[in-house]
PDB file of N, CA and C in Angstrom:
ATOM      1  N   UNK A   1      21.302-130.314  83.621  1.00  0.00           N
ATOM      2  CA  UNK A   1      20.531-128.875  83.720  1.00  0.00           C
ATOM      3  C   UNK A   1      21.343-128.425  85.056  1.00  0.00           C
ATOM      4  N   UNK A   2      21.675-127.071  85.354  1.00  0.00           N
ATOM      5  CA  UNK A   2      22.357-126.509  86.128  1.00  0.00           C
ATOM      6  C   UNK A   2      21.538-126.435  87.375  1.00  0.00           C
ATOM      7  N   UNK A   3      21.985-126.341  88.324  1.00  0.00           N
ATOM      8  CA  UNK A   3      21.388-126.249  89.734  1.00  0.00           C
ATOM      9  C   UNK A   3      21.988-124.822  90.403  1.00  0.00           C
ATOM     10  N   UNK A   4      20.788-124.194  90.802  1.00  0.00           N
ATOM     11  CA  UNK A   4      21.286-123.179  91.590  1.00  0.00           C
ATOM     12  C   UNK A   4      20.200-122.892  92.944  1.00  0.00           C
ATOM     13  N   UNK A   5      20.711-122.200  93.754  1.00  0.00           N
ATOM     14  CA  UNK A   5      19.943-121.976  94.995  1.00  0.00           C
ATOM     15  C   UNK A   5      19.846-120.405  95.190  1.00  0.00           C
ATOM     16  N   UNK A   6      18.897-119.995  95.639  1.00  0.00           N
ATOM     17  CA  UNK A   6      18.569-118.676  96.131  1.00  0.00           C
ATOM     18  C   UNK A   6      18.737-118.731  97.748  1.00  0.00           C
ATOM     19  N   UNK A   7      19.734-117.821  98.508  1.00  0.00           N
ATOM     20  CA  UNK A   7      19.665-117.619  99.912  1.00  0.00           C
ATOM     21  C   UNK A   7      19.354-116.319 100.113  1.00  0.00           C
ATOM     22  N   UNK A   8      18.319-116.075 100.909  1.00  0.00           N
ATOM     23  CA  UNK A   8      17.500-115.025 101.106  1.00  0.00           C
ATOM     24  C   UNK A   8      17.804-114.490 102.474  1.00  0.00           C
ATOM     25  N   UNK A   9      18.319-113.191 102.612  1.00  0.00           N
ATOM     26  CA  UNK A   9      18.684-112.383 103.982  1.00  0.00           C
ATOM     27  C   UNK A   9      17.620-111.535 104.280  1.00  0.00           C
ATOM     28  N   UNK A  10      16.752-111.131 103.622  1.00  0.00           N
ATOM     29  CA  UNK A  10      15.688-110.226 103.852  1.00  0.00           C
ATOM     30  C   UNK A  10      15.829-108.950 102.911  1.00  0.00           C
ATOM     31  N   UNK A  11      15.586-107.689 103.472  1.00  0.00           N
ATOM     32  CA  UNK A  11      15.516-106.475 102.620  1.00  0.00           C
ATOM     33  C   UNK A  11      14.396-106.268 101.736  1.00  0.00           C
ATOM     34  N   UNK A  12      14.435-105.056 101.093  1.00  0.00           N
ATOM     35  CA  UNK A  12      13.123-104.753 100.692  1.00  0.00           C
ATOM     36  C   UNK A  12      12.775-105.624  99.329  1.00  0.00           C
ATOM     37  N   UNK A  13      13.579-106.465  98.870  1.00  0.00           N
ATOM     38  CA  UNK A  13      13.223-107.456  97.643  1.00  0.00           C
ATOM     39  C   UNK A  13      12.089-108.229  98.352  1.00  0.00           C
ATOM     40  N   UNK A  14      12.441-108.593  99.648  1.00  0.00           N
ATOM     41  CA  UNK A  14      11.532-109.535 100.228  1.00  0.00           C
ATOM     42  C   UNK A  14      10.394-109.012 101.007  1.00  0.00           C
ATOM     43  N   UNK A  15      10.178-107.710 100.732  1.00  0.00           N
ATOM     44  CA  UNK A  15       9.021-106.831 101.782  1.00  0.00           C
ATOM     45  C   UNK A  15       7.787-106.861 100.652  1.00  0.00           C
ATOM     46  N   UNK A  16       6.828-106.702 101.451  1.00  0.00           N
ATOM     47  CA  UNK A  16       5.209-106.520 100.905  1.00  0.00           C
ATOM     48  C   UNK A  16       5.221-104.992 100.343  1.00  0.00           C
ATOM     49  N   UNK A  17       4.486-105.101  99.427  1.00  0.00           N
ATOM     50  CA  UNK A  17       4.133-103.648  98.896  1.00  0.00           C
ATOM     51  C   UNK A  17       3.589-102.524 100.183  1.00  0.00           C
ATOM     52  N   UNK A  18       4.189-101.157  99.987  1.00  0.00           N
ATOM     53  CA  UNK A  18       4.017-100.472 101.074  1.00  0.00           C
ATOM     54  C   UNK A  18       2.341 -99.888 100.930  1.00  0.00           C
ATOM     55  N   UNK A  19       1.690-100.086 102.083  1.00  0.00           N
ATOM     56  CA  UNK A  19       0.674 -99.356 102.469  1.00  0.00           C
ATOM     57  C   UNK A  19       0.349 -97.822 102.184  1.00  0.00           C
ATOM     58  N   UNK A  20      -0.592 -97.466 102.463  1.00  0.00           N
ATOM     59  CA  UNK A  20      -0.860 -95.828 102.340  1.00  0.00           C
ATOM     60  C   UNK A  20       0.056 -95.376 103.172  1.00  0.00           C
ATOM     61  N   UNK A  21       0.071 -95.525 104.741  1.00  0.00           N
ATOM     62  CA  UNK A  21       0.790 -94.780 105.493  1.00  0.00           C
ATOM     63  C   UNK A  21       2.057 -95.689 105.996  1.00  0.00           C
ATOM     64  N   UNK A  22       2.014 -96.738 105.913  1.00  0.00           N
ATOM     65  CA  UNK A  22       3.220 -97.571 106.508  1.00  0.00           C
ATOM     66  C   UNK A  22       4.513 -97.841 105.703  1.00  0.00           C
ATOM     67  N   UNK A  23       5.370 -98.340 106.514  1.00  0.00           N
ATOM     68  CA  UNK A  23       6.468 -98.482 105.840  1.00  0.00           C
ATOM     69  C   UNK A  23       6.572-100.223 105.135  1.00  0.00           C
ATOM     70  N   UNK A  24       7.874-100.481 104.603  1.00  0.00           N
ATOM     71  CA  UNK A  24       7.578-101.836 104.081  1.00  0.00           C
ATOM     72  C   UNK A  24       7.666-102.886 105.126  1.00  0.00           C
ATOM     73  N   UNK A  25       6.995-104.157 104.770  1.00  0.00           N
ATOM     74  CA  UNK A  25       7.088-105.037 106.110  1.00  0.00           C
ATOM     75  C   UNK A  25       7.604-106.395 105.192  1.00  0.00           C
ATOM     76  N   UNK A  26       8.313-106.908 106.057  1.00  0.00           N
ATOM     77  CA  UNK A  26       8.727-108.536 105.627  1.00  0.00           C
ATOM     78  C   UNK A  26       7.511-109.321 105.082  1.00  0.00           C
ATOM     79  N   UNK A  27       7.657-109.917 104.085  1.00  0.00           N
ATOM     80  CA  UNK A  27       6.579-110.677 103.810  1.00  0.00           C
ATOM     81  C   UNK A  27       6.886-112.067 103.089  1.00  0.00           C
ATOM     82  N   UNK A  28       7.846-112.099 102.047  1.00  0.00           N
ATOM     83  CA  UNK A  28       8.291-113.299 101.507  1.00  0.00           C
ATOM     84  C   UNK A  28       9.533-113.987 101.719  1.00  0.00           C
ATOM     85  N   UNK A  29       9.345-115.334 101.855  1.00  0.00           N
ATOM     86  CA  UNK A  29      10.453-116.307 102.166  1.00  0.00           C
ATOM     87  C   UNK A  29      11.267-116.574 100.838  1.00  0.00           C
ATOM     88  N   UNK A  30      12.449-117.315 100.776  1.00  0.00           N
ATOM     89  CA  UNK A  30      12.966-117.371  99.542  1.00  0.00           C
ATOM     90  C   UNK A  30      12.195-118.068  98.698  1.00  0.00           C
ATOM     91  N   UNK A  31      11.449-119.181  99.059  1.00  0.00           N
ATOM     92  CA  UNK A  31      10.575-120.005  97.863  1.00  0.00           C
ATOM     93  C   UNK A  31       9.787-119.032  97.504  1.00  0.00           C
ATOM     94  N   UNK A  32       9.025-118.173  98.158  1.00  0.00           N
ATOM     95  CA  UNK A  32       8.002-117.302  97.550  1.00  0.00           C
ATOM     96  C   UNK A  32       8.625-116.261  96.537  1.00  0.00           C
ATOM     97  N   UNK A  33       9.878-115.978  96.730  1.00  0.00           N
ATOM     98  CA  UNK A  33      10.601-115.137  95.917  1.00  0.00           C
ATOM     99  C   UNK A  33      10.940-115.687  94.476  1.00  0.00           C
ATOM    100  N   UNK A  34      11.238-117.082  94.747  1.00  0.00           N
ATOM    101  CA  UNK A  34      11.171-117.845  93.475  1.00  0.00           C
ATOM    102  C   UNK A  34       9.752-117.882  92.516  1.00  0.00           C
ATOM    103  N   UNK A  35       8.794-117.795  93.235  1.00  0.00           N
ATOM    104  CA  UNK A  35       7.576-118.283  92.753  1.00  0.00           C
ATOM    105  C   UNK A  35       7.224-116.810  91.697  1.00  0.00           C
ATOM    106  N   UNK A  36       7.798-115.858  92.089  1.00  0.00           N
ATOM    107  CA  UNK A  36       7.784-114.696  91.001  1.00  0.00           C
ATOM    108  C   UNK A  36       8.407-114.456  89.761  1.00  0.00           C
ATOM    109  N   UNK A  37       9.368-115.727  89.708  1.00  0.00           N
ATOM    110  CA  UNK A  37       9.977-115.879  88.578  1.00  0.00           C
ATOM    111  C   UNK A  37       9.752-117.336  87.895  1.00  0.00           C
ATOM    112  N   UNK A  38       8.562-117.243  87.596  1.00  0.00           N
ATOM    113  CA  UNK A  38       7.680-118.676  86.855  1.00  0.00           C
ATOM    114  C   UNK A  38       8.583-119.434  85.883  1.00  0.00           C
ATOM    115  N   UNK A  39       9.482-118.856  85.064  1.00  0.00           N
ATOM    116  CA  UNK A  39      10.175-119.296  84.044  1.00  0.00           C
ATOM    117  C   UNK A  39      11.497-119.879  84.663  1.00  0.00           C
ATOM    118  N   UNK A  40      11.995-119.725  85.528  1.00  0.00           N
ATOM    119  CA  UNK A  40      13.180-120.237  86.240  1.00  0.00           C
ATOM    120  C   UNK A  40      13.309-121.586  86.065  1.00  0.00           C
ATOM    121  N   UNK A  41      12.364-122.163  86.444  1.00  0.00           N
ATOM    122  CA  UNK A  41      12.506-123.915  86.253  1.00  0.00           C
ATOM    123  C   UNK A  41      12.463-124.344  84.910  1.00  0.00           C
ATOM    124  N   UNK A  42      12.386-123.587  83.940  1.00  0.00           N
ATOM    125  CA  UNK A  42      12.855-124.028  82.520  1.00  0.00           C
ATOM    126  C   UNK A  42      14.177-123.807  82.132  1.00  0.00           C
ATOM    127  N   UNK A  43      14.676-122.836  82.867  1.00  0.00           N
ATOM    128  CA  UNK A  43      16.209-122.288  82.630  1.00  0.00           C
ATOM    129  C   UNK A  43      17.265-123.492  83.457  1.00  0.00           C
ATOM    130  N   UNK A  44      16.739-123.786  84.736  1.00  0.00           N
ATOM    131  CA  UNK A  44      17.813-124.407  85.773  1.00  0.00           C
ATOM    132  C   UNK A  44      16.904-125.310  86.777  1.00  0.00           C
ATOM    133  N   UNK A  45      17.221-125.933  87.615  1.00  0.00           N
ATOM    134  CA  UNK A  45      16.820-126.399  88.722  1.00  0.00           C
ATOM    135  C   UNK A  45      17.220-125.454  89.695  1.00  0.00           C
ATOM    136  N   UNK A  46      16.165-124.962  90.587  1.00  0.00           N
ATOM    137  CA  UNK A  46      16.296-123.834  91.503  1.00  0.00           C
ATOM    138  C   UNK A  46      15.592-124.218  92.786  1.00  0.00           C
ATOM    139  N   UNK A  47      16.511-124.212  93.705  1.00  0.00           N
ATOM    140  CA  UNK A  47      15.937-124.352  95.232  1.00  0.00           C
ATOM    141  C   UNK A  47      16.017-122.806  96.056  1.00  0.00           C
ATOM    142  N   UNK A  48      15.597-122.787  97.228  1.00  0.00           N
ATOM    143  CA  UNK A  48      15.644-121.702  97.978  1.00  0.00           C
ATOM    144  C   UNK A  48      15.615-121.898  99.374  1.00  0.00           C
ATOM    145  N   UNK A  49      16.266-121.013 100.058  1.00  0.00           N
ATOM    146  CA  UNK A  49      16.354-121.080 101.572  1.00  0.00           C
ATOM    147  C   UNK A  49      16.533-119.926 102.173  1.00  0.00           C
ATOM    148  N   UNK A  50      15.977-119.709 103.136  1.00  0.00           N
ATOM    149  CA  UNK A  50      16.044-118.525 104.250  1.00  0.00           C
ATOM    150  C   UNK A  50      17.379-118.603 105.021  1.00  0.00           C
ATOM    151  N   UNK A  51      18.074-117.916 105.105  1.00  0.00           N
ATOM    152  CA  UNK A  51      19.189-117.884 106.070  1.00  0.00           C
ATOM    153  C   UNK A  51      19.279-116.697 107.192  1.00  0.00           C
ATOM    154  N   UNK A  52      18.530-115.681 107.075  1.00  0.00           N
ATOM    155  CA  UNK A  52      18.088-114.715 107.893  1.00  0.00           C
ATOM    156  C   UNK A  52      17.205-113.810 107.158  1.00  0.00           C
ATOM    157  N   UNK A  53      16.591-113.139 107.800  1.00  0.00           N
ATOM    158  CA  UNK A  53      15.422-112.255 107.410  1.00  0.00           C
ATOM    159  C   UNK A  53      15.986-110.754 108.371  1.00  0.00           C
ATOM    160  N   UNK A  54      16.765-109.903 107.780  1.00  0.00           N
ATOM    161  CA  UNK A  54      16.838-108.735 108.579  1.00  0.00           C
ATOM    162  C   UNK A  54      16.994-107.473 107.599  1.00  0.00           C
ATOM    163  N   UNK A  55      16.820-106.384 108.112  1.00  0.00           N
ATOM    164  CA  UNK A  55      16.875-105.157 107.394  1.00  0.00           C
ATOM    165  C   UNK A  55      18.482-105.071 107.309  1.00  0.00           C
ATOM    166  N   UNK A  56      18.862-104.735 106.104  1.00  0.00           N
ATOM    167  CA  UNK A  56      20.335-104.899 105.788  1.00  0.00           C
ATOM    168  C   UNK A  56      21.196-103.912 106.659  1.00  0.00           C
ATOM    169  N   UNK A  57      20.395-102.821 107.193  1.00  0.00           N
ATOM    170  CA  UNK A  57      21.312-101.842 108.103  1.00  0.00           C
ATOM    171  C   UNK A  57      21.583-102.502 108.913  1.00  0.00           C
ATOM    172  N   UNK A  58      21.259-103.541 109.433  1.00  0.00           N
ATOM    173  CA  UNK A  58      21.650-104.047 110.612  1.00  0.00           C
ATOM    174  C   UNK A  58      22.612-105.456 110.545  1.00  0.00           C
ATOM    175  N   UNK A  59      23.021-105.477 109.470  1.00  0.00           N
ATOM    176  CA  UNK A  59      23.950-106.738 108.981  1.00  0.00           C
ATOM    177  C   UNK A  59      25.262-106.308 109.572  1.00  0.00           C
ATOM    178  N   UNK A  60      26.014-107.114 110.421  1.00  0.00           N
ATOM    179  CA  UNK A  60      27.345-106.972 110.875  1.00  0.00           C
ATOM    180  C   UNK A  60      28.438-108.110 110.364  1.00  0.00           C
ATOM    181  N   UNK A  61      29.566-108.093 110.821  1.00  0.00           N
ATOM    182  CA  UNK A  61      30.430-108.920 110.499  1.00  0.00           C
ATOM    183  C   UNK A  61      29.976-110.227 110.957  1.00  0.00           C
ATOM    184  N   UNK A  62      29.261-110.600 111.766  1.00  0.00           N
ATOM    185  CA  UNK A  62      28.803-111.929 112.130  1.00  0.00           C
ATOM    186  C   UNK A  62      27.726-112.364 111.329  1.00  0.00           C
ATOM    187  N   UNK A  63      26.972-111.643 111.036  1.00  0.00           N
ATOM    188  CA  UNK A  63      25.963-112.164 109.556  1.00  0.00           C
ATOM    189  C   UNK A  63      26.804-112.495 108.433  1.00  0.00           C
ATOM    190  N   UNK A  64      27.955-111.424 108.012  1.00  0.00           N
ATOM    191  CA  UNK A  64      28.737-111.608 106.701  1.00  0.00           C
ATOM    192  C   UNK A  64      29.192-113.036 107.058  1.00  0.00           C
ATOM    193  N   UNK A  65      29.728-113.876 108.345  1.00  0.00           N
ATOM    194  CA  UNK A  65      30.270-115.026 108.356  1.00  0.00           C
ATOM    195  C   UNK A  65      29.001-116.070 108.052  1.00  0.00           C
ATOM    196  N   UNK A  66      27.676-115.826 108.429  1.00  0.00           N
ATOM    197  CA  UNK A  66      26.810-116.830 108.287  1.00  0.00           C
ATOM    198  C   UNK A  66      26.604-116.841 106.824  1.00  0.00           C
ATOM    199  N   UNK A  67      26.592-115.761 106.247  1.00  0.00           N
ATOM    200  CA  UNK A  67      26.349-115.840 104.628  1.00  0.00           C
ATOM    201  C   UNK A  67      27.389-116.439 103.735  1.00  0.00           C
ATOM    202  N   UNK A  68      28.516-116.266 104.299  1.00  0.00           N
ATOM    203  CA  UNK A  68      30.001-116.859 103.767  1.00  0.00           C
ATOM    204  C   UNK A  68      29.660-118.248 103.900  1.00  0.00           C
ATOM    205  N   UNK A  69      29.409-118.804 105.180  1.00  0.00           N
ATOM    206  CA  UNK A  69      29.327-120.138 105.584  1.00  0.00           C
ATOM    207  C   UNK A  69      28.623-120.857 104.639  1.00  0.00           C
ATOM    208  N   UNK A  70      26.992-120.401 104.705  1.00  0.00           N
ATOM    209  CA  UNK A  70      25.920-120.885 103.788  1.00  0.00           C
ATOM    210  C   UNK A  70      26.275-120.785 102.415  1.00  0.00           C
ATOM    211  N   UNK A  71      26.919-120.099 101.756  1.00  0.00           N
ATOM    212  CA  UNK A  71      27.231-119.685 100.354  1.00  0.00           C
ATOM    213  C   UNK A  71      28.249-121.007 100.051  1.00  0.00           C
ATOM    214  N   UNK A  72      29.258-121.016 100.982  1.00  0.00           N
ATOM    215  CA  UNK A  72      30.283-121.988 100.603  1.00  0.00           C
ATOM    216  C   UNK A  72      29.872-123.470 100.788  1.00  0.00           C
ATOM    217  N   UNK A  73      28.881-123.833 101.696  1.00  0.00           N
ATOM    218  CA  UNK A  73      28.464-124.921 101.771  1.00  0.00           C
ATOM    219  C   UNK A  73      27.199-125.257 100.485  1.00  0.00           C
ATOM    220  N   UNK A  74      26.792-124.387 100.130  1.00  0.00           N
ATOM    221  CA  UNK A  74      25.851-124.687  99.153  1.00  0.00           C
ATOM    222  C   UNK A  74      26.709-124.859  97.719  1.00  0.00           C
ATOM    223  N   UNK A  75      27.623-124.400  97.585  1.00  0.00           N
ATOM    224  CA  UNK A  75      28.377-124.732  96.412  1.00  0.00           C
ATOM    225  C   UNK A  75      29.202-125.878  96.331  1.00  0.00           C
ATOM    226  N   UNK A  76      28.928-126.745  97.150  1.00  0.00           N
ATOM    227  CA  UNK A  76      29.274-128.331  97.105  1.00  0.00           C
ATOM    228  C   UNK A  76      27.966-128.949  96.365  1.00  0.00           C
ATOM    229  N   UNK A  77      26.887-128.481  96.620  1.00  0.00           N
ATOM    230  CA  UNK A  77      25.912-129.168  95.958  1.00  0.00           C
ATOM    231  C   UNK A  77      25.272-128.243  94.798  1.00  0.00           C
ATOM    232  N   UNK A  78      25.409-126.995  94.504  1.00  0.00           N
ATOM    233  CA  UNK A  78      24.809-126.269  93.632  1.00  0.00           C
ATOM    234  C   UNK A  78      25.926-125.963  92.653  1.00  0.00           C
ATOM    235  N   UNK A  79      25.455-125.274  91.418  1.00  0.00           N
ATOM    236  CA  UNK A  79      26.478-124.860  90.448  1.00  0.00           C
ATOM    237  C   UNK A  79      26.391-123.304  90.688  1.00  0.00           C
ATOM    238  N   UNK A  80      25.544-122.600  91.183  1.00  0.00           N
ATOM    239  CA  UNK A  80      25.783-121.290  91.535  1.00  0.00           C
ATOM    240  C   UNK A  80      24.892-120.996  92.724  1.00  0.00           C
ATOM    241  N   UNK A  81      25.108-119.853  93.168  1.00  0.00           N
ATOM    242  CA  UNK A  81      24.384-119.091  94.227  1.00  0.00           C
ATOM    243  C   UNK A  81      23.693-117.795  93.964  1.00  0.00           C
ATOM    244  N   UNK A  82      22.745-117.577  94.357  1.00  0.00           N
ATOM    245  CA  UNK A  82      22.027-115.951  94.128  1.00  0.00           C
ATOM    246  C   UNK A  82      21.611-115.758  95.774  1.00  0.00           C
ATOM    247  N   UNK A  83      22.107-114.646  96.191  1.00  0.00           N
ATOM    248  CA  UNK A  83      21.917-114.000  97.712  1.00  0.00           C
ATOM    249  C   UNK A  83      20.888-112.763  97.089  1.00  0.00           C
ATOM    250  N   UNK A  84      19.771-113.024  97.828  1.00  0.00           N
ATOM    251  CA  UNK A  84      19.105-111.443  97.933  1.00  0.00           C
ATOM    252  C   UNK A  84      19.411-110.871  99.130  1.00  0.00           C
ATOM    253  N   UNK A  85      19.443-109.716  99.129  1.00  0.00           N
ATOM    254  CA  UNK A  85      19.924-108.747 100.243  1.00  0.00           C
ATOM    255  C   UNK A  85      19.353-107.405 100.240  1.00  0.00           C
ATOM    256  N   UNK A  86      19.278-106.821 101.233  1.00  0.00           N
ATOM    257  CA  UNK A  86      18.851-105.388 101.361  1.00  0.00           C
ATOM    258  C   UNK A  86      19.919-104.542 100.674  1.00  0.00           C
ATOM    259  N   UNK A  87      19.563-103.422 100.184  1.00  0.00           N
ATOM    260  CA  UNK A  87      20.406-102.504  99.459  1.00  0.00           C
ATOM    261  C   UNK A  87      21.444-101.695 100.450  1.00  0.00           C
ATOM    262  N   UNK A  88      20.753-101.142 101.428  1.00  0.00           N
ATOM    263  CA  UNK A  88      21.360-100.369 102.296  1.00  0.00           C
ATOM    264  C   UNK A  88      23.127-100.883 102.559  1.00  0.00           C
ATOM    265  N   UNK A  89      23.275-102.080 102.709  1.00  0.00           N
ATOM    266  CA  UNK A  89      24.698-102.564 102.961  1.00  0.00           C
ATOM    267  C   UNK A  89      25.060-103.732 102.177  1.00  0.00           C
ATOM    268  N   UNK A  90      24.358-104.022 101.032  1.00  0.00           N
ATOM    269  CA  UNK A  90      24.550-104.645 100.017  1.00  0.00           C
ATOM    270  C   UNK A  90      25.916-104.991  99.600  1.00  0.00           C
ATOM    271  N   UNK A  91      26.835-103.610  99.075  1.00  0.00           N
ATOM    272  CA  UNK A  91      27.828-103.357  98.678  1.00  0.00           C
ATOM    273  C   UNK A  91      28.962-103.674  99.889  1.00  0.00           C
ATOM    274  N   UNK A  92      28.531-103.541 100.894  1.00  0.00           N
ATOM    275  CA  UNK A  92      29.565-104.022 101.980  1.00  0.00           C
ATOM    276  C   UNK A  92      29.817-105.470 102.117  1.00  0.00           C
ATOM    277  N   UNK A  93      28.493-106.143 102.158  1.00  0.00           N
ATOM    278  CA  UNK A  93      28.392-107.548 102.216  1.00  0.00           C
ATOM    279  C   UNK A  93      29.048-108.132 101.007  1.00  0.00           C
ATOM    280  N   UNK A  94      28.954-107.644  99.591  1.00  0.00           N
ATOM    281  CA  UNK A  94      29.349-108.109  98.347  1.00  0.00           C
ATOM    282  C   UNK A  94      31.031-107.997  98.578  1.00  0.00           C
ATOM    283  N   UNK A  95      31.450-106.782  99.061  1.00  0.00           N
ATOM    284  CA  UNK A  95      32.813-106.716  99.067  1.00  0.00           C
ATOM    285  C   UNK A  95      33.459-107.707 100.022  1.00  0.00           C
ATOM    286  N   UNK A  96      32.899-108.052 101.252  1.00  0.00           N
ATOM    287  CA  UNK A  96      33.432-108.796 102.157  1.00  0.00           C
ATOM    288  C   UNK A  96      33.366-110.408 101.760  1.00  0.00           C
ATOM    289  N   UNK A  97      32.195-110.520 100.912  1.00  0.00           N
ATOM    290  CA  UNK A  97      32.150-112.075 100.327  1.00  0.00           C
ATOM    291  C   UNK A  97      33.236-112.380  99.574  1.00  0.00           C
ATOM    292  N   UNK A  98      33.738-111.220  98.587  1.00  0.00           N
ATOM    293  CA  UNK A  98      34.691-111.272  97.510  1.00  0.00           C
ATOM    294  C   UNK A  98      36.031-111.835  98.329  1.00  0.00           C
ATOM    295  N   UNK A  99      36.249-111.501  99.510  1.00  0.00           N
ATOM    296  CA  UNK A  99      37.484-111.630 100.212  1.00  0.00           C
ATOM    297  C   UNK A  99      37.092-113.055 100.900  1.00  0.00           C
ATOM    298  N   UNK A 100      36.217-113.219 101.359  1.00  0.00           N
ATOM    299  CA  UNK A 100      35.634-114.394 102.195  1.00  0.00           C
ATOM    300  C   UNK A 100      35.656-115.751 101.523  1.00  0.00           C
ATOM    301  N   UNK A 101      35.223-115.465 100.338  1.00  0.00           N
ATOM    302  CA  UNK A 101      34.962-116.572  99.132  1.00  0.00           C
ATOM    303  C   UNK A 101      36.137-116.659  98.080  1.00  0.00           C
ATOM    304  N   UNK A 102      37.271-116.366  98.368  1.00  0.00           N
ATOM    305  CA  UNK A 102      38.127-116.370  97.223  1.00  0.00           C
ATOM    306  C   UNK A 102      38.594-117.721  96.520  1.00  0.00           C
ATOM    307  N   UNK A 103      38.762-117.528  95.241  1.00  0.00           N
ATOM    308  CA  UNK A 103      39.071-118.508  94.401  1.00  0.00           C
ATOM    309  C   UNK A 103      38.111-119.546  94.012  1.00  0.00           C
ATOM    310  N   UNK A 104      36.953-119.264  94.086  1.00  0.00           N
ATOM    311  CA  UNK A 104      35.734-120.254  93.768  1.00  0.00           C
ATOM    312  C   UNK A 104      35.733-120.364  92.156  1.00  0.00           C
ATOM    313  N   UNK A 105      35.306-121.509  91.952  1.00  0.00           N
ATOM    314  CA  UNK A 105      34.953-121.719  90.542  1.00  0.00           C
ATOM    315  C   UNK A 105      33.405-122.012  89.840  1.00  0.00           C
ATOM    316  N   UNK A 106      32.623-121.127  90.896  1.00  0.00           N
ATOM    317  CA  UNK A 106      31.279-121.397  90.654  1.00  0.00           C
ATOM    318  C   UNK A 106      30.798-119.705  91.013  1.00  0.00           C
ATOM    319  N   UNK A 107      29.713-119.305  90.209  1.00  0.00           N
ATOM    320  CA  UNK A 107      29.368-117.960  90.385  1.00  0.00           C
ATOM    321  C   UNK A 107      28.392-117.726  91.481  1.00  0.00           C
ATOM    322  N   UNK A 108      28.603-116.472  92.297  1.00  0.00           N
ATOM    323  CA  UNK A 108      28.005-116.213  93.282  1.00  0.00           C
ATOM    324  C   UNK A 108      27.437-114.733  92.950  1.00  0.00           C
ATOM    325  N   UNK A 109      26.412-114.266  93.187  1.00  0.00           N
ATOM    326  CA  UNK A 109      25.508-113.316  92.704  1.00  0.00           C
ATOM    327  C   UNK A 109      24.767-112.779  93.860  1.00  0.00           C
ATOM    328  N   UNK A 110      25.077-111.583  94.198  1.00  0.00           N
ATOM    329  CA  UNK A 110      24.480-110.900  95.470  1.00  0.00           C
ATOM    330  C   UNK A 110      23.548-109.758  94.840  1.00  0.00           C
ATOM    331  N   UNK A 111      22.173-109.585  94.892  1.00  0.00           N
ATOM    332  CA  UNK A 111      21.432-108.692  94.340  1.00  0.00           C
ATOM    333  C   UNK A 111      20.226-108.155  95.371  1.00  0.00           C
ATOM    334  N   UNK A 112      19.942-107.027  94.952  1.00  0.00           N
ATOM    335  CA  UNK A 112      18.557-106.282  96.047  1.00  0.00           C
ATOM    336  C   UNK A 112      17.652-105.624  95.202  1.00  0.00           C
ATOM    337  N   UNK A 113      16.889-104.724  95.728  1.00  0.00           N
ATOM    338  CA  UNK A 113      15.980-104.004  94.981  1.00  0.00           C
ATOM    339  C   UNK A 113      15.625-102.672  95.633  1.00  0.00           C
ATOM    340  N   UNK A 114      14.955-101.876  94.894  1.00  0.00           N
ATOM    341  CA  UNK A 114      14.632-100.669  95.609  1.00  0.00           C
ATOM    342  C   UNK A 114      13.133-100.550  95.760  1.00  0.00           C
ATOM    343  N   UNK A 115      12.516-101.664  95.015  1.00  0.00           N
ATOM    344  CA  UNK A 115      11.164-101.851  95.574  1.00  0.00           C
ATOM    345  C   UNK A 115      10.944-103.218  95.833  1.00  0.00           C
ATOM    346  N   UNK A 116       9.852-103.575  96.348  1.00  0.00           N
ATOM    347  CA  UNK A 116       9.392-104.960  96.890  1.00  0.00           C
ATOM    348  C   UNK A 116       9.299-105.563  95.434  1.00  0.00           C
ATOM    349  N   UNK A 117       9.448-107.021  95.341  1.00  0.00           N
ATOM    350  CA  UNK A 117       9.233-108.112  94.054  1.00  0.00           C
ATOM    351  C   UNK A 117       7.894-107.861  94.046  1.00  0.00           C
ATOM    352  N   UNK A 118       6.899-107.415  94.559  1.00  0.00           N
ATOM    353  CA  UNK A 118       5.489-107.596  94.128  1.00  0.00           C
ATOM    354  C   UNK A 118       5.069-106.408  93.725  1.00  0.00           C
ATOM    355  N   UNK A 119       5.949-105.196  93.638  1.00  0.00           N
ATOM    356  CA  UNK A 119       5.695-104.038  93.262  1.00  0.00           C
ATOM    357  C   UNK A 119       5.730-103.593  91.920  1.00  0.00           C
ATOM    358  N   UNK A 120       4.455-103.707  91.173  1.00  0.00           N
ATOM    359  CA  UNK A 120       4.435-103.503  89.553  1.00  0.00           C
ATOM    360  C   UNK A 120       4.602-101.998  89.025  1.00  0.00           C
ATOM    361  N   UNK A 121       4.676-101.159  89.964  1.00  0.00           N
ATOM    362  CA  UNK A 121       4.906 -99.788  89.832  1.00  0.00           C
ATOM    363  C   UNK A 121       3.638 -99.340  89.628  1.00  0.00           C
TER     364      UNK A 121
END
């Protein structure tokens, strides 16, 4: 069975559903994000790790280096990496990772959400 790891960086996907008056608030760890996908364990061995917990509008080149290092290290042990990320700068991070992680033979997916994972609309 394939082994994947979810590396969480924060963002809307890991936030709690918005209250009546308030903004989104950080709420879910990487492991908790996986718990929202109960069928994942029938598809693969899935692990999770929090590598940072930031609003993506604050992510800078220093954080890209952390994400790249953590991803590269995880690929020694796992068959693929899923990175959850805020949508404000997701495209910049994905672009930089495409240059920083060139020549990989395993998949790296960067994803985010416009709504928190627990928001059922």
